[in-house]
Amino acid sequence: MCSAIDDRTARAVIRDEALRLFAARGPDGVTVRQIAAAAGVSPGLVLHHFGSKDGLRVAVDEHVLGLFDQMLGATTGERGIDLYDPAASGSVAETIANHLPVDSPVPGYLRRLLVTDGAAGRELFRHLFRLSAATLDALAAAGMAAPGADPAVRAAFLLVNDLAVLLLRDHLTEVLGADPLSGPGIARWAGEVLTIYGAGLLAAPPSEAR
């Protein structure tokens, strides 16, 4: 069914369609036949490339983790960080807003992984924690943050506060009237968060602080 597509492209199409369906329904709610139909290939070609649905899920996990490695690396490596700049936090939420299209299935997939008690979700959280710790280390080395008395706890605190935006995205959109992972939404959210991180709850708004 996919004679016009080379093996590399067919594999990517299958993986991306699996990501979209897994994000929408959960891996247990999707069959190999449904993934094949969405990708426009035969179920046999799915199994040829990935061996099984579990193999395909592993490939999707690795793909998503790789995306975050690239995106967060670009975010922290391209510029310095201004504590009052909503576009410069280097956070997971800001990374999603800046590097993924609004209709990307990646945020939905991450939510499912993080709230499911599975090996992939635990590994994802450990992976994100390592990235958070490395970012805090880089900020501390640049004199833009303090590691605190317990750097591991500080890195975990920053991470879970950031992931709350991802996990509670729909609820936040409802009460704030804007998607916190959209461009305007993340600017609004990050402006307040970074002000609090920089100077506490008694801090003046960023425009006044400047």
Protein backbone atom coordinates (compact mmCIF):
# COMPACT_ATOMS: atom_id res chain seq x y z
CA MET A 1 0.00 0.00 0.00
CA CYS A 2 2.96 2.29 0.48
CA SER A 3 5.00 1.60 -2.62
CA ALA A 4 5.52 5.30 -3.36
CA ILE A 5 7.13 5.91 0.03
CA ASP A 6 10.63 4.76 0.89
CA ASP A 7 11.25 2.73 4.04
CA ARG A 8 12.62 5.64 6.05
CA THR A 9 9.67 7.87 5.26
CA ALA A 10 7.13 5.09 5.83
CA ARG A 11 8.64 4.38 9.25
CA ALA A 12 8.41 8.06 10.20
CA VAL A 13 4.82 8.32 8.99
CA ILE A 14 3.80 5.25 11.00
CA ARG A 15 5.56 6.56 14.12
CA ASP A 16 3.96 10.00 13.82
CA GLU A 17 0.47 8.60 13.30
CA ALA A 18 0.97 6.30 16.30
CA LEU A 19 2.03 9.31 18.37
CA ARG A 20 -1.13 11.18 17.38
CA LEU A 21 -3.42 8.24 18.14
CA PHE A 22 -1.65 7.35 21.40
CA ALA A 23 -2.00 10.95 22.56
CA ALA A 24 -5.71 11.02 21.78
CA ARG A 25 -6.76 7.56 23.03
CA GLY A 26 -3.88 6.09 24.96
CA PRO A 27 -1.73 3.22 23.65
CA ASP A 28 -4.13 0.61 25.03
CA GLY A 29 -7.00 2.17 23.10
CA VAL A 30 -5.35 1.89 19.69
CA THR A 31 -4.77 -1.17 17.52
CA VAL A 32 -2.05 -1.87 15.00
CA ARG A 33 -4.73 -1.96 12.30
CA GLN A 34 -5.93 1.54 13.26
CA ILE A 35 -2.37 2.89 13.19
CA ALA A 36 -1.80 1.30 9.79
CA ALA A 37 -5.02 2.80 8.41
CA ALA A 38 -4.08 6.27 9.67
CA ALA A 39 -0.62 5.96 8.11
CA GLY A 40 -1.97 4.59 4.83
CA VAL A 41 0.04 1.36 5.07
CA SER A 42 -0.68 -2.29 5.77
CA PRO A 43 -0.60 -3.72 9.32
CA GLY A 44 2.16 -6.00 8.08
CA LEU A 45 4.37 -3.02 7.27
CA VAL A 46 3.86 -1.66 10.79
CA LEU A 47 5.02 -4.98 12.22
CA HIS A 48 7.86 -5.14 9.71
CA HIS A 49 9.27 -1.85 10.97
CA PHE A 50 8.53 -2.12 14.69
CA GLY A 51 7.95 -5.79 15.45
CA SER A 52 4.86 -5.16 17.59
CA LYS A 53 2.74 -2.38 19.03
CA ASP A 54 5.00 -2.38 22.09
CA GLY A 55 7.98 -1.89 19.80
CA LEU A 56 6.20 1.00 18.12
CA ARG A 57 5.41 2.54 21.49
CA VAL A 58 9.09 2.36 22.46
CA ALA A 59 9.97 4.10 19.20
CA VAL A 60 7.43 6.84 19.91
CA ASP A 61 8.81 7.29 23.43
CA GLU A 62 12.35 7.59 22.11
CA HIS A 63 11.23 10.04 19.43
CA VAL A 64 9.49 12.31 21.97
CA LEU A 65 12.45 12.24 24.35
CA GLY A 66 14.74 13.06 21.45
CA LEU A 67 12.58 16.02 20.50
CA PHE A 68 12.83 17.40 24.01
CA ASP A 69 16.58 16.93 24.10
CA GLN A 70 16.87 18.99 20.92
CA MET A 71 14.32 21.64 21.88
CA LEU A 72 15.52 22.26 25.41
CA GLY A 73 19.13 22.18 24.27
CA ALA A 74 18.36 24.87 21.69
CA THR A 75 16.46 26.93 24.25
CA THR A 76 19.21 26.93 26.87
CA GLY A 77 22.05 27.24 24.39
CA GLU A 78 20.84 30.10 22.18
CA ARG A 79 20.69 32.94 24.68
CA GLY A 80 21.27 34.19 28.17
CA ILE A 81 18.35 34.39 30.58
CA ASP A 82 16.67 37.57 31.79
CA LEU A 83 14.57 36.87 34.90
CA TYR A 84 11.91 39.30 33.70
CA ASP A 85 11.77 38.02 30.12
CA PRO A 86 8.78 35.64 29.67
CA ALA A 87 10.38 34.19 26.53
CA ALA A 88 13.63 33.22 28.22
CA SER A 89 12.73 30.72 30.93
CA GLY A 90 13.99 27.58 29.17
CA SER A 91 11.12 25.65 30.79
CA VAL A 92 9.29 22.64 29.42
CA ALA A 93 6.12 24.69 28.89
CA GLU A 94 8.01 27.51 27.15
CA THR A 95 9.87 24.98 25.04
CA ILE A 96 6.57 23.47 23.87
CA ALA A 97 5.12 26.89 23.05
CA ASN A 98 8.18 27.99 21.08
CA HIS A 99 9.04 24.82 19.19
CA LEU A 100 5.84 22.86 18.59
CA PRO A 101 2.77 23.80 16.54
CA VAL A 102 -0.42 24.43 18.48
CA ASP A 103 -1.99 21.21 17.20
CA SER A 104 1.02 19.01 18.05
CA PRO A 105 0.10 15.71 19.75
CA VAL A 106 3.30 15.77 21.83
CA PRO A 107 1.86 17.63 24.87
CA GLY A 108 -1.09 15.23 25.03
CA TYR A 109 1.22 12.26 24.76
CA LEU A 110 3.44 13.60 27.54
CA ARG A 111 0.43 14.05 29.79
CA ARG A 112 -0.59 10.43 29.31
CA LEU A 113 2.92 9.21 30.02
CA LEU A 114 3.31 11.28 33.18
CA VAL A 115 -0.01 10.31 34.76
CA THR A 116 0.27 6.62 33.88
CA ASP A 117 2.13 4.33 36.26
CA GLY A 118 4.39 2.82 33.64
CA ALA A 119 8.09 2.45 32.96
CA ALA A 120 8.00 4.95 30.09
CA GLY A 121 6.40 7.66 32.23
CA ARG A 122 8.88 7.12 35.05
CA GLU A 123 11.79 7.26 32.63
CA LEU A 124 10.38 10.41 31.06
CA PHE A 125 10.16 12.11 34.45
CA ARG A 126 13.70 11.08 35.33
CA HIS A 127 14.83 12.38 31.96
CA LEU A 128 13.10 15.73 32.46
CA PHE A 129 14.48 15.96 35.99
CA ARG A 130 18.01 15.52 34.68
CA LEU A 131 17.37 18.28 32.14
CA SER A 132 15.96 20.52 34.88
CA ALA A 133 18.98 19.88 37.11
CA ALA A 134 21.37 20.57 34.24
CA THR A 135 19.57 23.81 33.43
CA LEU A 136 19.74 24.92 37.07
CA ASP A 137 23.46 24.08 37.13
CA ALA A 138 24.02 26.16 33.99
CA LEU A 139 22.10 29.10 35.42
CA ALA A 140 24.02 28.88 38.69
CA ALA A 141 27.36 28.76 36.83
CA ALA A 142 26.32 31.87 34.88
CA GLY A 143 25.37 33.70 38.08
CA MET A 144 21.70 33.84 37.11
CA ALA A 145 20.34 31.51 39.82
CA ALA A 146 21.41 30.01 43.12
CA PRO A 147 21.50 26.22 43.51
CA GLY A 148 20.02 26.45 47.01
CA ALA A 149 20.80 24.32 50.03
CA ASP A 150 19.45 21.24 48.24
CA PRO A 151 19.91 21.60 44.46
CA ALA A 152 18.04 18.35 43.73
CA VAL A 153 14.94 19.57 45.55
CA ARG A 154 15.18 22.96 43.87
CA ALA A 155 15.43 21.37 40.42
CA ALA A 156 12.49 19.07 41.23
CA PHE A 157 10.42 22.00 42.53
CA LEU A 158 11.00 24.01 39.35
CA LEU A 159 10.18 20.98 37.21
CA VAL A 160 6.90 20.02 38.90
CA ASN A 161 5.69 23.62 38.85
CA ASP A 162 6.44 23.77 35.17
CA LEU A 163 4.85 20.40 34.39
CA ALA A 164 1.66 21.51 36.15
CA VAL A 165 1.01 23.78 33.16
CA LEU A 166 1.22 20.77 30.86
CA LEU A 167 -0.84 18.42 33.03
CA LEU A 168 -3.55 20.98 33.86
CA ARG A 169 -3.56 22.71 30.49
CA ASP A 170 -7.28 22.29 29.79
CA HIS A 171 -8.32 23.49 33.26
CA LEU A 172 -5.98 26.48 33.08
CA THR A 173 -7.33 27.39 29.65
CA GLU A 174 -10.85 27.41 31.05
CA VAL A 175 -10.17 29.63 34.07
CA LEU A 176 -7.68 31.99 32.40
CA GLY A 177 -9.43 32.28 29.06
CA ALA A 178 -6.23 31.49 27.17
CA ASP A 179 -4.24 28.37 26.38
CA PRO A 180 -1.12 28.55 28.60
CA LEU A 181 0.87 26.71 25.92
CA SER A 182 0.00 29.23 23.19
CA GLY A 183 2.38 32.10 22.47
CA PRO A 184 0.31 34.78 24.26
CA GLY A 185 -0.63 32.33 27.02
CA ILE A 186 2.92 31.35 27.88
CA ALA A 187 4.03 34.99 27.86
CA ARG A 188 1.25 35.85 30.30
CA TRP A 189 1.98 32.84 32.51
CA ALA A 190 5.77 33.11 32.45
CA GLY A 191 5.72 36.83 33.17
CA GLU A 192 4.09 36.19 36.56
CA VAL A 193 6.03 33.01 37.33
CA LEU A 194 9.43 34.55 36.65
CA THR A 195 8.57 37.65 38.66
CA ILE A 196 7.69 35.44 41.63
CA TYR A 197 10.81 33.32 41.18
CA GLY A 198 12.95 36.43 40.89
CA ALA A 199 11.62 38.49 43.77
CA GLY A 200 8.85 36.64 45.63
CA LEU A 201 5.11 37.16 45.98
CA LEU A 202 5.58 40.80 47.03
CA ALA A 203 7.39 41.62 43.78
CA ALA A 204 6.18 44.47 41.60
CA PRO A 205 5.01 43.66 38.05
CA PRO A 206 7.89 43.25 35.55
CA SER A 207 7.32 46.67 33.94
CA GLU A 208 7.57 48.39 37.34
CA ALA A 209 10.51 46.25 38.45
CA ARG A 210 12.49 47.35 35.42
